[in-house]
Every structure is written in C-alpha cells, then in structure tokens.
Amino acid sequence: MILSDPSKVREVPDKFTLGDKLPDLVKAVVDSYEKDARTRHIDCEFLPAPKEVNELIRLSLELFFPGFLGRQDLTTFNVSFHVGELLPMIAKLLHRQVKKCLCYHQIQVEGRSPDDKGCHDKADQITHALLERIVDLRDMLSDDVQAAFDGDPAAINHDEVILAYPGLLAIAVHRLAHELYRADVPMLPRMISEWAHRETGVDIHPGAKIGRSFFIDHGTGVVIGETTEIGNNVKVYQGVTLGALSFPKDARGRVIRGTKRHPTVEDDVTIYANAIILGGETVLKKGCVIGGSVFVTASVPKNATVTITPPALRMKKRGFSEPPQNDDIPMGDFQI
C-alpha cells in the first residue's frame, strides 16, 4: 500500500455552523438550568474555584518537597528567594478559597446572608495558622518518606519515594487537607482530598486522623473513612478499606452525622492487601497484623495475627489427542 505524502494532503476547511439552530439550542439548555437547580450555580457568589484549588495543592507540594516538585534548579543561594515567592502565592490562594468556602457555607447551608468581614477575618486566622504549621507538616512528611523507604525493599532511595510513590503523594495532600478540616473549613478540604483520589487512586477523607510514619504501599484502591484514627508506624497495602459497618439513623430514618463510624488502628499495625475493616467500635490493637482479603468487624488483640483459611484449589489437566510428552500426563482432579 502506498501512503500519500502528508505535505500534499489538502485539509478540507471546517465550515460547520449551528446556523439558525443556535438560538433554540441555547434556550433549551438555559431552560434546563431553570428546571433543575441541583446542577447549576447561577446568580450566586463565593463558590470555591477548582482551578485555584489545584494550583494551591501544586504550590504546597512544591513547598513541602523543594527541588523535587516544581522548580528544580534550587541552590543554597536561591532557595530563600524561592520560598519567599511561594509563601505569598500560597497565602493568597488559600485565603481567597477559605473565605469563599466560609461565605458559601453561610448562604447555602446555614441559609443566611454572608458575613463578609467575619469570613475575611476567620480566613486570615486560618491562613496564618496553616502557614505556621508548614515546618511541622514537613517534619511529619519526612517520617512518611522514611517509612516508605524502610517498608519497601524495592525502594532505591528517598528520592524515588518522593518522585514516584503514589501513596506518599496521597499522604502529603491528606496532611494539608486535614489541617483545613481541623479548622472547620467547609468543602475545601474535601476538594483537596479528592484531587489526591483522582491522581493516586487512594481515597482518604480529610477528617481521618493519621499518625507519624504512615506508609501506603502500592496504594490503588485504599479507602480510609472520615472518623478513622490511625496511630504511628502503620503500614497499609493496596485495596484496604477502613470503612463504616453501618450508618446510625434517627427516628425519621436520616443518617446521624458526627458519630464514630470507622475503625481505630493503633501503633505498629500492618494491614495487607484487600483487607476490609469496618465499624467505629473496631480497634486493631498495637502490633497486630491483618492478613490479605480478611473481613474484620470486631476488635483484634495486641500483637495478634488475623488470617483466613486458604481455599482448597482444585486443578484438572486436560486430556490429549496425541500421546502425552514428558509430564503432560492426563490426570483426574487433585487438590493442592
């Protein structure tokens, strides 16, 4: 087959136009906005901006891991200048989004007129408080990096952990989101945590309390619920769920919010792949090991190991139309 010379192919001009149909289509779409207010935000103010939230996350990660993420030509001579540029940008984005979320909550949830000055002043306090926590957060993240390096024999060095491990990225973003959750900022912490969910496949609610030296190995499919409490030196593998056993409801059948619904994991616990641990009263005591694919809804004693009975595997070799060669001997069912 002879392919034509791309340089000689003439592109047909795109002359498509909606023409007279445009007004009717515009009216139909706008009418749909009026019919269902759940999927539009019009004639309203103070909605947080996803684009700015994404930029806030990006700049925060650059501040957490200088030289790794973002600008990479940092030296001992220019790093102070770089941080001096980053902090005001982060502060401006953070303050604006926090204020929007506070005012949005007053309008959409509390049903009252927004207190613009009150939201502004509270955003001031929250922004300053979070920026003052940066050093402590970086100290915690250093322990998380070390935990990943110590816990994964495939890790070459700390650099690889920072640049390539989705579990660490999820933890770093969670630590930022959790600070805002603790400050009672509505919506913004969840937007930040869902950014990490999309990027890494790890779903950590910003309300989850997570101690030092936390390691998520592989990461994909890990789910950690809002009221989960995790101690120090905990290691979790892919597919693990720390979830709610049931949702308590009031007399009208509505879910009661603010209750302890998710497990508590004490220090030095390891939870292997695809384990499911459910319930607010479930406690994994210090040093216990939860095996892969187990289903746990009750507390586990200190230093205990929980496993499931391995299934009996039945294998059957197919018959052959020709004489068998070597070990290809037709056999009946057998177990291993």
Protein backbone atom coordinates (compact mmCIF):
# COMPACT_ATOMS: atom_id res chain seq x y z
CA MET A 1 0.00 0.00 0.00
CA ILE A 2 1.35 3.41 -0.97
CA LEU A 3 0.76 6.18 1.54
CA SER A 4 0.21 9.67 0.23
CA ASP A 5 2.66 12.41 1.07
CA PRO A 6 1.23 14.20 4.15
CA SER A 7 2.63 17.50 2.91
CA LYS A 8 0.44 17.25 -0.21
CA VAL A 9 -2.80 16.36 1.59
CA ARG A 10 -5.24 19.26 1.47
CA GLU A 11 -7.25 19.74 4.63
CA VAL A 12 -10.93 20.35 4.00
CA PRO A 13 -11.96 23.64 5.67
CA ASP A 14 -14.28 23.12 8.62
CA LYS A 15 -17.33 25.19 7.73
CA PHE A 16 -19.73 23.54 10.18
CA THR A 17 -22.05 26.00 11.88
CA LEU A 18 -25.17 25.72 14.00
CA GLY A 19 -26.80 28.47 11.99
CA ASP A 20 -30.48 29.04 12.77
CA LYS A 21 -30.49 26.19 15.32
CA LEU A 22 -28.27 28.06 17.78
CA PRO A 23 -30.99 30.19 19.45
CA ASP A 24 -33.23 27.16 20.04
CA LEU A 25 -30.34 25.12 21.47
CA VAL A 26 -29.31 27.97 23.76
CA LYS A 27 -32.88 28.32 25.01
CA ALA A 28 -33.22 24.58 25.62
CA VAL A 29 -30.02 24.42 27.65
CA VAL A 30 -30.83 27.54 29.69
CA ASP A 31 -34.35 26.24 30.34
CA SER A 32 -32.82 23.06 31.71
CA TYR A 33 -30.84 25.21 34.14
CA GLU A 34 -34.04 26.76 35.39
CA LYS A 35 -35.80 23.43 35.80
CA ASP A 36 -33.12 21.80 37.95
CA ALA A 37 -31.11 23.94 40.37
CA ARG A 38 -29.07 20.99 41.62
CA THR A 39 -26.60 21.12 38.74
CA ARG A 40 -26.08 24.84 38.26
CA HIS A 41 -24.65 27.71 40.31
CA ILE A 42 -26.01 30.95 38.84
CA ASP A 43 -26.71 34.33 40.50
CA CYS A 44 -24.61 33.13 43.43
CA GLU A 45 -21.29 34.12 44.94
CA PHE A 46 -18.50 32.61 46.97
CA LEU A 47 -18.13 29.26 45.26
CA PRO A 48 -14.60 27.78 45.61
CA ALA A 49 -12.71 27.60 42.31
CA PRO A 50 -11.37 24.14 41.37
CA LYS A 51 -8.61 25.64 39.21
CA GLU A 52 -7.27 27.72 42.09
CA VAL A 53 -7.59 24.79 44.49
CA ASN A 54 -5.48 22.66 42.13
CA GLU A 55 -2.88 25.43 41.98
CA LEU A 56 -2.89 25.66 45.78
CA ILE A 57 -2.13 21.94 46.01
CA ARG A 58 0.64 22.18 43.42
CA LEU A 59 2.38 25.08 45.16
CA SER A 60 2.00 23.46 48.59
CA LEU A 61 3.65 20.26 47.34
CA GLU A 62 6.48 22.37 45.91
CA LEU A 63 6.91 23.93 49.35
CA PHE A 64 6.80 20.52 51.07
CA PHE A 65 9.34 18.92 48.72
CA PRO A 66 11.65 21.68 47.40
CA GLY A 67 13.71 20.73 44.38
CA PHE A 68 11.62 17.63 43.67
CA LEU A 69 8.30 19.10 42.58
CA GLY A 70 8.07 22.34 40.66
CA ARG A 71 11.28 24.32 40.29
CA GLN A 72 14.32 22.00 40.26
CA ASP A 73 17.26 24.41 39.92
CA LEU A 74 17.27 25.35 43.59
CA THR A 75 20.57 26.06 45.38
CA THR A 76 21.51 27.16 48.88
CA PHE A 77 21.81 30.67 47.44
CA ASN A 78 18.37 30.99 45.83
CA VAL A 79 16.15 28.75 47.97
CA SER A 80 15.25 31.56 50.39
CA PHE A 81 14.18 33.73 47.47
CA HIS A 82 12.13 30.83 46.09
CA VAL A 83 10.34 30.23 49.39
CA GLY A 84 9.79 33.98 49.67
CA GLU A 85 7.94 33.80 46.34
CA LEU A 86 5.97 30.65 47.16
CA LEU A 87 4.59 31.63 50.55
CA PRO A 88 2.75 34.79 49.42
CA MET A 89 1.25 32.94 46.44
CA ILE A 90 0.06 30.10 48.67
CA ALA A 91 -1.27 32.54 51.25
CA LYS A 92 -3.23 34.50 48.66
CA LEU A 93 -4.81 31.41 47.10
CA LEU A 94 -5.52 29.83 50.47
CA HIS A 95 -7.08 32.95 51.95
CA ARG A 96 -9.32 33.54 48.93
CA GLN A 97 -10.58 29.95 48.79
CA VAL A 98 -11.10 29.68 52.56
CA LYS A 99 -13.10 32.91 52.58
CA LYS A 100 -15.23 31.73 49.67
CA CYS A 101 -15.95 28.44 51.40
CA LEU A 102 -16.88 30.12 54.69
CA CYS A 103 -19.28 32.55 52.99
CA TYR A 104 -20.67 29.80 50.76
CA HIS A 105 -21.49 27.72 53.84
CA GLN A 106 -23.34 30.61 55.45
CA ILE A 107 -25.50 31.07 52.35
CA GLN A 108 -26.08 27.53 51.10
CA VAL A 109 -26.04 25.53 54.36
CA GLU A 110 -26.97 27.97 57.12
CA GLY A 111 -29.41 29.88 54.91
CA ARG A 112 -28.33 33.37 55.92
CA SER A 113 -26.65 36.37 54.38
CA PRO A 114 -22.87 36.06 54.33
CA ASP A 115 -20.85 37.93 56.92
CA ASP A 116 -18.16 39.14 54.53
CA LYS A 117 -15.96 40.74 57.19
CA GLY A 118 -16.38 37.81 59.55
CA CYS A 119 -15.41 35.36 56.78
CA HIS A 120 -12.45 37.55 55.86
CA ASP A 121 -11.18 37.73 59.43
CA LYS A 122 -11.60 34.00 60.02
CA ALA A 123 -9.83 33.26 56.72
CA ASP A 124 -6.97 35.45 57.98
CA GLN A 125 -6.66 33.36 61.13
CA ILE A 126 -6.87 30.02 59.33
CA THR A 127 -4.33 31.04 56.67
CA HIS A 128 -1.77 32.25 59.22
CA ALA A 129 -2.29 29.16 61.38
CA LEU A 130 -1.78 26.76 58.47
CA LEU A 131 1.34 28.52 57.20
CA GLU A 132 2.81 28.35 60.69
CA ARG A 133 2.25 24.57 60.58
CA ILE A 134 4.32 24.08 57.40
CA VAL A 135 7.52 23.15 59.26
CA ASP A 136 5.67 20.59 61.44
CA LEU A 137 3.95 19.12 58.40
CA ARG A 138 7.27 18.78 56.59
CA ASP A 139 8.69 17.02 59.65
CA MET A 140 5.82 14.51 59.55
CA LEU A 141 6.25 14.01 55.82
CA SER A 142 9.95 13.26 56.33
CA ASP A 143 8.92 10.41 58.63
CA ASP A 144 6.41 9.23 56.00
CA VAL A 145 9.17 9.19 53.36
CA GLN A 146 11.41 7.21 55.71
CA ALA A 147 8.60 4.76 56.47
CA ALA A 148 8.13 4.10 52.76
CA PHE A 149 11.84 3.59 52.21
CA ASP A 150 12.17 1.28 55.22
CA GLY A 151 9.00 -0.64 54.36
CA ASP A 152 9.63 -1.30 50.69
CA PRO A 153 12.75 -3.28 49.73
CA ALA A 154 12.23 -2.17 46.12
CA ALA A 155 12.80 1.49 47.02
CA ILE A 156 16.20 2.69 45.79
CA ASN A 157 16.37 5.83 47.92
CA HIS A 158 14.30 8.64 49.40
CA ASP A 159 14.30 10.50 46.08
CA GLU A 160 12.46 7.68 44.36
CA VAL A 161 9.87 7.59 47.13
CA ILE A 162 9.13 11.31 46.73
CA LEU A 163 9.09 11.29 42.95
CA ALA A 164 7.35 8.00 42.22
CA TYR A 165 5.25 6.70 45.12
CA PRO A 166 1.52 7.49 44.86
CA GLY A 167 0.98 6.54 48.49
CA LEU A 168 3.29 9.31 49.65
CA LEU A 169 1.56 11.84 47.40
CA ALA A 170 -1.80 10.86 48.86
CA ILE A 171 -0.48 11.21 52.41
CA ALA A 172 1.12 14.60 51.70
CA VAL A 173 -2.10 16.01 50.27
CA HIS A 174 -4.09 14.48 53.12
CA ARG A 175 -1.94 16.23 55.72
CA LEU A 176 -2.73 19.55 54.05
CA ALA A 177 -6.46 18.78 53.78
CA HIS A 178 -6.62 17.57 57.38
CA GLU A 179 -5.28 20.89 58.70
CA LEU A 180 -8.14 22.70 56.97
CA TYR A 181 -10.64 20.10 58.20
CA ARG A 182 -9.46 20.66 61.77
CA ALA A 183 -10.02 24.40 61.25
CA ASP A 184 -13.67 23.70 60.29
CA VAL A 185 -13.25 24.98 56.75
CA PRO A 186 -16.21 23.64 54.73
CA MET A 187 -15.85 21.98 51.32
CA LEU A 188 -12.21 22.94 50.60
CA PRO A 189 -10.64 20.00 52.50
CA ARG A 190 -12.80 17.56 50.55
CA MET A 191 -11.90 19.17 47.23
CA ILE A 192 -8.21 18.82 48.12
CA SER A 193 -8.54 15.18 49.17
CA GLU A 194 -10.49 14.31 46.03
CA TRP A 195 -7.67 15.77 43.93
CA ALA A 196 -5.37 13.18 45.51
CA HIS A 197 -8.01 10.49 44.99
CA ARG A 198 -8.11 11.20 41.26
CA GLU A 199 -4.33 11.35 40.98
CA THR A 200 -3.41 8.30 43.05
CA GLY A 201 -6.44 6.03 43.45
CA VAL A 202 -6.13 6.46 47.24
CA ASP A 203 -9.28 7.82 48.91
CA ILE A 204 -8.56 9.37 52.32
CA HIS A 205 -11.26 11.51 53.86
CA PRO A 206 -9.74 14.75 55.21
CA GLY A 207 -11.23 14.03 58.63
CA ALA A 208 -9.17 10.86 59.16
CA LYS A 209 -6.57 11.22 61.92
CA ILE A 210 -3.25 9.73 60.83
CA GLY A 211 -0.13 9.48 62.98
CA ARG A 212 3.53 9.63 62.03
CA SER A 213 5.49 7.29 59.75
CA PHE A 214 2.47 6.16 57.75
CA PHE A 215 3.10 4.06 54.63
CA ILE A 216 0.62 3.10 51.92
CA ASP A 217 2.29 0.51 49.68
CA HIS A 218 1.13 0.44 46.04
CA GLY A 219 -1.88 2.49 47.04
CA THR A 220 -4.55 1.74 44.45
CA GLY A 221 -7.98 1.19 45.95
CA VAL A 222 -7.19 2.17 49.54
CA VAL A 223 -10.19 3.78 51.27
CA ILE A 224 -9.91 5.48 54.67
CA GLY A 225 -13.12 6.89 56.15
CA GLU A 226 -13.75 10.18 57.92
CA THR A 227 -13.65 9.04 61.56
CA THR A 228 -10.75 6.62 61.14
CA GLU A 229 -7.94 7.02 63.67
CA ILE A 230 -4.50 5.66 62.76
CA GLY A 231 -1.51 5.58 65.10
CA ASN A 232 2.21 5.71 64.37
CA ASN A 233 4.24 3.31 62.20
CA VAL A 234 1.24 1.82 60.41
CA LYS A 235 1.61 0.12 57.04
CA VAL A 236 -1.31 -0.41 54.65
CA TYR A 237 -1.31 -2.25 51.31
CA GLN A 238 -3.45 -1.78 48.21
CA GLY A 239 -7.18 -2.36 48.29
CA VAL A 240 -7.54 -1.94 52.06
CA THR A 241 -10.81 -0.44 53.30
CA LEU A 242 -11.19 1.22 56.69
CA GLY A 243 -14.89 1.82 56.48
CA ALA A 244 -18.23 2.06 58.27
CA LEU A 245 -20.09 -1.06 59.29
CA SER A 246 -23.45 0.71 59.27
CA PHE A 247 -24.83 4.22 59.40
CA PRO A 248 -26.82 5.05 62.57
CA LYS A 249 -30.13 6.78 61.75
CA ASP A 250 -32.56 8.95 63.66
CA ALA A 251 -36.28 8.33 64.14
CA ARG A 252 -37.02 9.71 60.68
CA GLY A 253 -34.51 7.40 59.01
CA ARG A 254 -31.92 10.10 58.35
CA VAL A 255 -28.23 9.30 58.77
CA ILE A 256 -26.86 10.71 62.04
CA ARG A 257 -23.69 12.63 61.27
CA GLY A 258 -20.70 13.19 63.53
CA THR A 259 -20.62 9.70 65.07
CA LYS A 260 -17.58 7.41 65.20
CA ARG A 261 -18.22 5.14 62.24
CA HIS A 262 -14.76 3.96 61.19
CA PRO A 263 -12.07 1.81 62.85
CA THR A 264 -9.22 2.77 65.14
CA VAL A 265 -5.79 1.44 64.18
CA GLU A 266 -3.15 1.58 66.91
CA ASP A 267 0.63 1.85 66.51
CA ASP A 268 2.78 -0.65 64.56
CA VAL A 269 -0.11 -2.34 62.74
CA THR A 270 0.25 -3.88 59.28
CA ILE A 271 -2.81 -4.40 57.07
CA TYR A 272 -2.26 -6.50 53.95
CA ALA A 273 -3.93 -6.19 50.55
CA ASN A 274 -7.72 -6.13 50.15
CA ALA A 275 -8.46 -6.44 53.86
CA ILE A 276 -11.75 -4.85 54.92
CA ILE A 277 -12.01 -3.46 58.46
CA LEU A 278 -15.34 -1.94 59.38
CA GLY A 279 -17.02 -0.25 62.32
CA GLY A 280 -16.49 2.61 64.74
CA GLU A 281 -16.03 0.25 67.67
CA THR A 282 -13.47 -1.91 65.86
CA VAL A 283 -9.95 -1.44 67.23
CA LEU A 284 -6.82 -3.01 65.78
CA LYS A 285 -4.57 -3.13 68.82
CA LYS A 286 -0.88 -2.28 68.80
CA GLY A 287 1.36 -4.54 66.74
CA CYS A 288 -1.34 -6.73 65.21
CA VAL A 289 -1.18 -8.00 61.62
CA ILE A 290 -4.24 -8.24 59.39
CA GLY A 291 -3.82 -10.71 56.56
CA GLY A 292 -4.87 -10.19 52.97
CA SER A 293 -8.55 -10.31 52.00
CA VAL A 294 -9.87 -10.75 55.54
CA PHE A 295 -13.15 -9.19 56.68
CA VAL A 296 -12.93 -7.75 60.21
CA THR A 297 -15.81 -6.23 62.18
CA ALA A 298 -14.54 -6.85 65.72
CA SER A 299 -11.52 -5.65 67.66
CA VAL A 300 -8.22 -7.51 67.32
CA PRO A 301 -5.95 -8.06 70.35
CA LYS A 302 -2.44 -6.67 70.71
CA ASN A 303 0.19 -8.44 68.57
CA ALA A 304 -2.39 -10.86 67.13
CA THR A 305 -2.40 -12.05 63.52
CA VAL A 306 -5.67 -12.42 61.63
CA THR A 307 -5.79 -14.59 58.50
CA ILE A 308 -8.33 -16.55 56.52
CA THR A 309 -8.15 -20.26 55.86
CA PRO A 310 -6.53 -20.75 52.44
CA PRO A 311 -9.04 -22.10 49.91
CA ALA A 312 -8.67 -25.63 48.57
CA LEU A 313 -7.56 -25.25 44.96
CA ARG A 314 -8.80 -27.89 42.55
CA MET A 315 -6.86 -28.35 39.32
CA LYS A 316 -7.59 -30.56 36.35
CA LYS A 317 -5.32 -31.29 33.42
CA ARG A 318 -6.94 -31.53 30.03
CA GLY A 319 -6.80 -34.74 28.01
CA PHE A 320 -4.64 -35.01 24.91
CA SER A 321 -5.44 -36.35 21.45
CA GLU A 322 -1.77 -37.24 20.95
CA PRO A 323 0.44 -39.38 23.17
CA PRO A 324 1.48 -37.31 26.22
CA GLN A 325 5.03 -35.97 26.34
CA ASN A 326 7.13 -35.66 29.49
CA ASP A 327 4.92 -34.55 32.37
CA ASP A 328 1.87 -33.74 30.23
CA ILE A 329 0.03 -36.78 31.55
CA PRO A 330 -3.78 -36.64 31.62
CA MET A 331 -4.88 -36.67 35.24
CA GLY A 332 -8.09 -36.50 37.19
CA ASP A 333 -8.97 -33.88 39.76
CA PHE A 334 -6.48 -33.26 42.52
CA GLN A 335 -6.11 -30.74 45.34
CA ILE A 336 -3.17 -28.60 46.40
